[in-house]
Protein backbone atom coordinates (compact mmCIF):
# COMPACT_ATOMS: atom_id res chain seq x y z
CA LEU A 1 86.35 116.00 100.03
CA ILE A 2 87.90 113.10 97.48
CA LEU A 3 90.94 115.74 96.85
CA ILE A 4 90.87 116.56 101.09
CA PHE A 5 91.20 113.06 101.83
CA LEU A 6 93.71 111.58 99.25
CA THR A 7 95.70 114.66 100.70
CA PHE A 8 95.69 113.97 104.19
CA SER A 9 96.07 110.31 103.35
CA PHE A 10 99.25 110.96 101.33
CA TYR A 11 100.64 113.10 103.51
CA PRO A 12 103.01 110.66 105.38
CA THR A 13 104.42 109.79 101.88
CA TYR A 14 104.99 113.82 100.78
CA TYR A 15 106.69 113.97 104.21
CA GLU A 16 109.08 111.19 103.76
CA ILE A 17 110.22 112.24 100.29
CA SER A 18 110.56 115.74 101.91
CA GLN A 19 113.29 114.05 104.42
CA ARG A 20 114.89 112.27 101.60
CA TYR A 21 118.28 114.38 101.71
CA ASN A 22 118.46 115.04 105.33
CA LEU A 23 119.94 111.19 106.10
CA ILE A 24 122.81 111.27 108.99
CA ASP A 25 124.43 108.71 107.41
CA ARG A 26 125.78 109.33 103.96
CA ASN A 27 126.57 105.71 102.97
CA ARG A 28 122.62 105.54 103.10
CA GLU A 29 120.35 104.99 100.91
CA PHE A 30 116.75 106.72 101.11
CA VAL A 31 113.77 104.12 99.90
CA LEU A 32 110.41 105.25 99.96
CA GLU A 33 108.79 101.87 102.24
CA HIS A 34 105.54 102.01 102.47
CA ASN A 35 102.98 99.47 103.74
CA PHE A 36 103.89 99.32 107.23
CA TYR A 37 104.97 95.68 107.34
CA TRP A 38 108.32 95.65 105.40
CA PRO A 39 108.51 91.93 104.62
CA ASP A 40 105.57 91.90 102.73
CA PHE A 41 106.32 95.00 101.21
CA ASN A 42 109.85 93.84 100.07
CA LEU A 43 108.05 90.94 98.60
CA TYR A 44 105.79 93.16 96.52
CA LEU A 45 108.47 94.92 95.24
CA SER A 46 110.09 91.80 94.03
CA LYS A 47 107.18 91.06 92.15
CA ILE A 48 107.28 94.12 90.64
CA ARG A 49 110.73 93.70 89.74
CA GLN A 50 110.23 90.47 88.16
CA GLY A 51 107.66 92.22 86.00
CA TYR A 52 110.14 94.95 84.99
CA GLU A 53 112.66 92.42 83.98
CA GLY A 54 109.79 91.26 81.62
CA SER A 55 108.36 88.02 83.61
CA TRP A 56 104.67 87.11 83.48
CA THR A 57 104.45 84.81 86.52
CA ALA A 58 105.82 85.19 89.82
CA VAL A 59 108.40 83.02 91.57
CA ALA A 60 109.65 83.04 95.57
CA ARG A 61 113.10 84.49 95.29
CA TYR A 62 113.98 84.10 98.65
CA THR A 63 113.85 80.75 98.86
CA SER A 64 116.18 77.67 98.01
CA GLU A 65 112.73 75.38 97.18
CA PRO A 66 112.65 74.52 93.74
CA HIS A 67 109.43 75.65 92.03
CA ARG A 68 107.55 77.08 88.75
CA GLY A 69 106.12 80.58 88.23
CA SER A 70 102.52 81.28 89.82
CA LEU A 71 99.71 83.77 89.32
CA ILE A 72 99.36 84.60 92.57
CA GLN A 73 100.55 88.20 92.97
CA GLU A 74 100.12 88.75 89.24
CA PHE A 75 98.69 92.10 89.89
CA TYR A 76 102.47 92.95 90.70
CA ILE A 77 103.76 91.57 87.94
CA VAL A 78 101.58 93.74 85.91
CA LEU A 79 102.38 96.85 87.84
CA GLY A 80 106.41 95.95 87.03
CA HIS A 81 105.62 96.23 83.49
CA PHE A 82 103.86 99.69 83.31
CA GLY A 83 106.80 100.50 85.26
CA ARG A 84 108.77 99.02 82.62
CA ILE A 85 107.06 101.08 79.89
CA LEU A 86 107.16 104.37 82.02
CA ASN A 87 110.56 103.64 82.82
CA THR A 88 109.93 103.81 86.40
CA ALA A 89 112.07 101.94 89.24
CA PRO A 90 110.19 99.27 91.10
CA ASN A 91 109.71 101.25 94.57
CA TYR A 92 107.78 104.00 92.67
CA SER A 93 105.90 101.92 90.35
CA TYR A 94 104.33 100.68 93.70
CA GLN A 95 103.44 104.30 94.52
CA LEU A 96 102.11 104.20 90.92
CA GLY A 97 99.63 101.70 91.76
CA ARG A 98 98.44 103.69 95.18
CA LEU A 99 98.59 107.19 93.09
CA ILE A 100 96.09 105.63 90.40
CA LEU A 101 93.93 103.38 92.27
CA SER A 102 93.02 105.12 95.35
CA PRO A 103 91.40 108.37 93.89
CA ILE A 104 89.17 105.55 91.55
CA LEU A 105 88.06 103.98 94.82
CA LEU A 106 86.73 107.05 96.52
CA VAL A 107 84.82 107.91 92.84
CA ILE A 108 83.39 104.74 93.00
CA ILE A 109 82.13 105.01 96.69
CA PHE A 110 80.75 108.23 95.79
CA LEU A 111 78.64 107.00 92.99
CA LEU A 112 77.26 104.23 94.69
CA CYS A 113 76.27 106.71 97.21
CA ARG A 114 74.64 109.19 94.70
CA LYS A 115 72.39 105.79 93.65
CA PHE A 116 71.58 105.11 96.88
CA PHE A 117 70.44 108.39 98.34
CA PRO A 118 68.47 111.30 96.44
CA SER A 119 69.82 113.90 98.49
CA PHE A 120 72.94 115.89 98.08
CA ALA A 121 73.01 115.97 101.85
CA TRP A 122 72.54 112.52 102.17
CA GLN A 123 75.12 111.47 99.79
CA ILE A 124 77.81 113.58 101.20
CA ALA A 125 77.00 112.44 104.97
CA ALA A 126 77.21 108.61 103.57
CA PHE A 127 80.79 109.29 101.55
CA VAL A 128 82.05 110.54 104.85
CA ILE A 129 80.69 107.96 106.58
CA VAL A 130 81.82 105.53 104.67
CA ILE A 131 85.46 106.45 104.34
CA VAL A 132 85.96 107.85 108.15
CA SER A 133 84.15 104.06 109.80
CA GLY A 134 87.72 102.51 109.70
CA SER A 135 86.70 101.51 113.39
CA PHE A 136 84.95 103.01 116.32
CA PRO A 137 86.55 105.51 118.66
CA ARG A 138 88.30 103.79 121.98
CA PHE A 139 88.81 106.37 124.95
CA TYR A 140 91.45 105.64 127.58
CA SER A 141 93.38 107.10 129.83
CA ASP A 142 97.36 107.08 129.42
CA THR A 143 100.25 106.72 131.69
CA ALA A 144 99.94 110.41 133.06
CA GLY A 145 96.08 110.42 133.40
CA ALA A 146 95.61 112.08 130.17
CA ILE A 147 91.92 110.92 128.54
CA GLN A 148 93.14 109.88 124.62
CA ILE A 149 91.40 109.05 121.59
CA GLY A 150 92.34 105.71 119.64
CA ARG A 151 90.84 102.94 118.04
CA TYR A 152 90.13 99.08 118.48
CA MET A 153 93.08 96.66 116.77
CA GLU A 154 95.07 99.43 116.94
CA TRP A 155 98.12 97.21 115.76
CA TRP A 156 95.87 96.28 112.66
CA SER A 157 96.57 99.60 110.48
CA ASN A 158 94.51 98.37 107.67
CA ILE A 159 91.48 99.88 109.73
CA ASP A 160 92.58 102.95 109.76
CA ALA A 161 90.40 105.61 107.73
CA LEU A 162 92.82 107.36 106.16
CA GLN A 163 95.75 104.85 105.66
CA ARG A 164 93.41 102.21 103.91
CA ILE A 165 92.72 105.08 101.16
CA THR A 166 95.84 104.54 99.86
CA LEU A 167 97.46 101.71 101.22
CA ILE A 168 98.22 98.84 99.32
CA PRO A 169 97.53 98.77 95.53
CA HIS A 170 96.30 94.98 95.29
CA ILE A 171 93.69 95.89 97.96
CA LEU A 172 92.86 98.90 96.42
CA PHE A 173 92.09 97.08 93.47
CA GLY A 174 90.31 94.22 94.88
CA GLN A 175 87.96 96.69 96.22
CA ILE A 176 87.32 98.80 92.95
CA ILE A 177 86.34 95.66 91.22
CA SER A 178 84.13 94.35 93.65
CA LEU A 179 82.12 97.46 94.51
CA ALA A 180 82.03 98.12 90.25
CA LEU A 181 80.73 94.56 90.24
CA LEU A 182 78.39 95.01 92.91
CA ASN A 183 77.10 98.14 90.98
CA LEU A 184 76.59 96.06 87.81
CA LEU A 185 75.19 93.39 88.94
CA VAL A 186 72.80 94.42 91.86
CA ILE A 187 71.78 98.30 91.39
CA LYS A 188 71.97 98.55 87.72
CA ARG A 189 69.81 95.26 86.73
CA PHE A 190 70.38 95.03 83.03
CA ASN A 191 67.63 94.15 81.55
CA ASN A 192 69.43 92.63 78.58
CA PHE A 193 71.27 90.18 80.63
CA SER A 194 73.22 87.93 78.57
CA ILE A 195 75.35 84.77 79.18
CA LYS A 196 78.70 86.58 77.47
CA ARG A 197 78.60 89.50 80.14
CA LEU A 198 78.05 87.11 82.98
CA ILE A 199 80.73 85.11 81.75
CA LEU A 200 82.71 88.66 82.12
CA TYR A 201 81.36 89.44 85.10
CA ILE A 202 82.74 85.97 86.57
CA ILE A 203 85.87 86.45 84.80
CA LEU A 204 86.55 89.93 86.66
CA GLY A 205 85.28 88.68 90.12
CA ASN A 206 87.49 85.53 90.23
CA LEU A 207 90.82 88.33 88.87
CA ALA A 208 89.70 89.96 92.49
CA GLY A 209 89.69 87.02 94.04
CA LEU A 210 92.93 86.28 92.77
CA VAL A 211 94.64 89.60 93.64
CA PHE A 212 92.84 90.03 97.12
CA PRO A 213 90.44 86.77 98.24
CA PRO A 214 88.33 88.96 100.79
CA SER A 215 86.90 91.47 98.18
CA LEU A 216 85.49 88.33 96.00
CA ILE A 217 84.03 86.92 99.64
CA THR A 218 82.38 90.61 100.28
CA LEU A 219 81.13 90.54 96.57
CA ASP A 220 79.84 87.07 96.96
CA GLY A 221 78.16 87.45 100.51
CA SER A 222 76.44 90.70 99.37
CA LEU A 223 74.99 89.02 96.25
CA ILE A 224 73.92 86.24 98.53
CA LEU A 225 72.15 88.70 100.76
CA PHE A 226 70.32 90.59 98.33
CA LEU A 227 69.40 87.48 96.57
CA ILE A 228 67.91 86.40 99.68
CA VAL A 229 65.86 89.79 100.40
CA ARG A 230 64.90 89.85 96.58
CA LEU A 231 63.23 86.04 97.60
CA ILE A 232 61.49 87.39 100.77
CA LYS A 233 60.17 90.38 99.13
CA THR A 234 59.08 88.08 96.08
CA ARG A 235 57.14 85.75 98.34
CA LYS A 236 55.81 88.37 100.38
CA ASN A 237 54.36 90.39 97.29
CA LEU A 238 52.85 86.78 95.96
CA PHE A 239 51.30 86.01 99.12
CA ILE A 240 50.05 89.07 99.66
CA GLY A 241 48.39 89.42 96.32
CA LEU A 242 47.34 85.76 96.83
CA LEU A 243 45.49 87.55 99.50
CA LEU A 244 43.87 90.30 97.66
CA ALA A 245 42.77 88.10 94.65
CA ARG A 246 40.83 85.62 97.24
CA ARG A 247 39.42 88.56 99.07
CA SER A 248 38.05 90.32 95.45
CA PHE A 249 37.35 86.64 94.17
CA SER A 250 34.93 86.32 97.56
CA GLU A 251 33.40 89.70 97.15
CA GLY A 252 32.52 89.27 93.72
CA GLY A 253 30.62 85.88 94.65
CA VAL A 254 28.93 87.72 97.18
C-alpha cells in the first residue's frame, strides 16, 4: 500500500520529467517546478542554494533591506548542504527531500496504526483512512449538467490526499517529528523517563516547530488532550475506588 500511494503521488513528477525534451521553444530550459506556488518554491530553492554554497544561516536575497542571517528555513539550508555532498543541483535537492521523507512518514503512520489496532484488517483500514482523508468529497454539477466529484477548499492543495504525501519537504519533516514524539511520549510511556530524555524531546519538538509550526501546535494539543483524558480517568478510578472501599468498610462493620 505504501508503494502504491507513493507511486500515485509521484506520478505527476514522473510525467513532468518524461516531458523534459518536448519543449517547443528550444531557448527555454526545463525546470522540475513543484509546490504549486512558484514564489514559495523559488524561495525554498534560494535557501537550498545558500546551503549548497556553504552558508549555515538563511538570508532573503530578494530584498534590499539590510538584515542578518536567520535560522528560519534552516531546514532547506541543511538540505542544500546534503545536495553539495551528493553533488545535486538545488532543484533536485528539493526533490530528494520529498523522496526520502515521504516513505518515512507513511511508515510511521502505519506503525502508529499497528499500535492502536490489534487486528491486521483494522490496521489496514485505519492506514487507508488516514492517507485518503484529506477532504470530504463534494458532489456538484458542472456547466453541462454532469455530476462531478470535488473537494471543499479546492484551492488549497495541501489537503489533497495524494499530493500531500510527497508535497513539501519541510511539512513532511514536521509531521514525521511530531508523530515520532507523540509515539515516544504517549504510546510507549517509558518507565525510565529521565530529565535528559525530556530535554531531548523538547529540543526535537521545538526543532519541528521552527521548521513547520503547525506540527508543534498539533503535538502540544495532542499531549494536552491526552493529559486531560488521563486526569479524568485517574479521578474517576479514584472516585470508584473510594466508593468500593467505603462499601467494603461498611459491610465489614456490619
